[in-house]
Amino acid sequence: MVRFARCNALLSLAINASGKGCRYVAKGASDDDVVKDMMEHLTSVHEVDLDMKANILATTKTHNG
């Protein structure tokens, strides 16, 4: 099972580094992996420096693939 969260579920209308709508998907084997991946993305691309853990966990889903 893969856990994942989408950036556009957290920051609607966010723009990525190339100026287009951000469609980044953080993936991991656990919730902690997804949170770590997404926080790195939010900090480096969108310059969001807030504790978004609860928000990320609220939008995290599972894919059985």
Protein backbone atom coordinates (compact mmCIF):
# COMPACT_ATOMS: atom_id res chain seq x y z
CA MET A 1 0.00 0.00 0.00
CA VAL A 2 1.17 3.48 -0.82
CA ARG A 3 0.08 6.51 1.19
CA PHE A 4 -0.10 9.82 -0.67
CA ALA A 5 -1.18 13.45 -0.42
CA ARG A 6 -1.60 16.02 -3.19
CA CYS A 7 -0.24 19.53 -2.92
CA ASN A 8 -3.28 21.03 -4.64
CA ALA A 9 -5.48 19.51 -1.91
CA LEU A 10 -3.57 21.61 0.63
CA LEU A 11 -2.86 24.78 -1.32
CA SER A 12 -5.52 25.33 -3.95
CA LEU A 13 -4.29 27.36 -6.93
CA ALA A 14 -0.64 27.01 -5.84
CA ILE A 15 1.89 27.60 -8.62
CA ASN A 16 4.85 25.23 -9.09
CA ALA A 17 8.42 26.21 -10.00
CA SER A 18 7.58 26.35 -13.74
CA GLY A 19 4.61 28.68 -13.20
CA LYS A 20 1.86 26.12 -13.69
CA GLY A 21 -0.70 24.75 -11.24
CA CYS A 22 1.10 22.52 -8.74
CA ARG A 23 0.23 18.84 -9.08
CA TYR A 24 2.90 17.45 -6.75
CA VAL A 25 2.07 14.18 -5.02
CA ALA A 26 3.97 13.19 -1.87
CA LYS A 27 4.19 9.40 -1.50
CA GLY A 28 5.36 7.06 1.22
CA ALA A 29 4.88 3.77 2.99
CA SER A 30 3.63 5.53 6.15
CA ASP A 31 1.95 8.76 7.19
CA ASP A 32 5.27 10.03 8.56
CA ASP A 33 6.94 9.46 5.16
CA VAL A 34 4.18 11.40 3.40
CA VAL A 35 4.33 14.27 5.89
CA LYS A 36 8.13 14.51 5.57
CA ASP A 37 7.99 14.47 1.76
CA MET A 38 5.19 17.05 1.56
CA MET A 39 6.78 19.38 4.11
CA GLU A 40 10.02 19.35 2.08
CA HIS A 41 8.01 20.21 -1.05
CA LEU A 42 5.99 22.96 0.64
CA THR A 43 9.12 24.53 2.10
CA SER A 44 11.31 24.37 -1.00
CA VAL A 45 8.76 25.16 -3.74
CA HIS A 46 6.07 27.24 -2.03
CA GLU A 47 8.14 28.70 0.82
CA VAL A 48 5.51 27.62 3.37
CA ASP A 49 7.20 27.42 6.76
CA LEU A 50 4.27 26.37 8.95
CA ASP A 51 3.44 23.18 10.80
CA MET A 52 1.10 21.61 8.26
CA LYS A 53 1.20 18.06 9.68
CA ALA A 54 -2.49 17.94 10.66
CA ASN A 55 -3.54 19.34 7.28
CA ILE A 56 -1.37 16.86 5.39
CA LEU A 57 -2.69 13.93 7.41
CA ALA A 58 -6.27 15.08 6.78
CA THR A 59 -5.73 14.87 3.00
CA THR A 60 -3.63 11.68 2.97
CA LYS A 61 -5.13 8.72 1.15
CA THR A 62 -4.14 5.10 0.44
CA HIS A 63 -3.60 3.45 -2.94
CA ASN A 64 -3.50 -0.34 -3.08
CA GLY A 65 -1.28 -0.88 -6.03
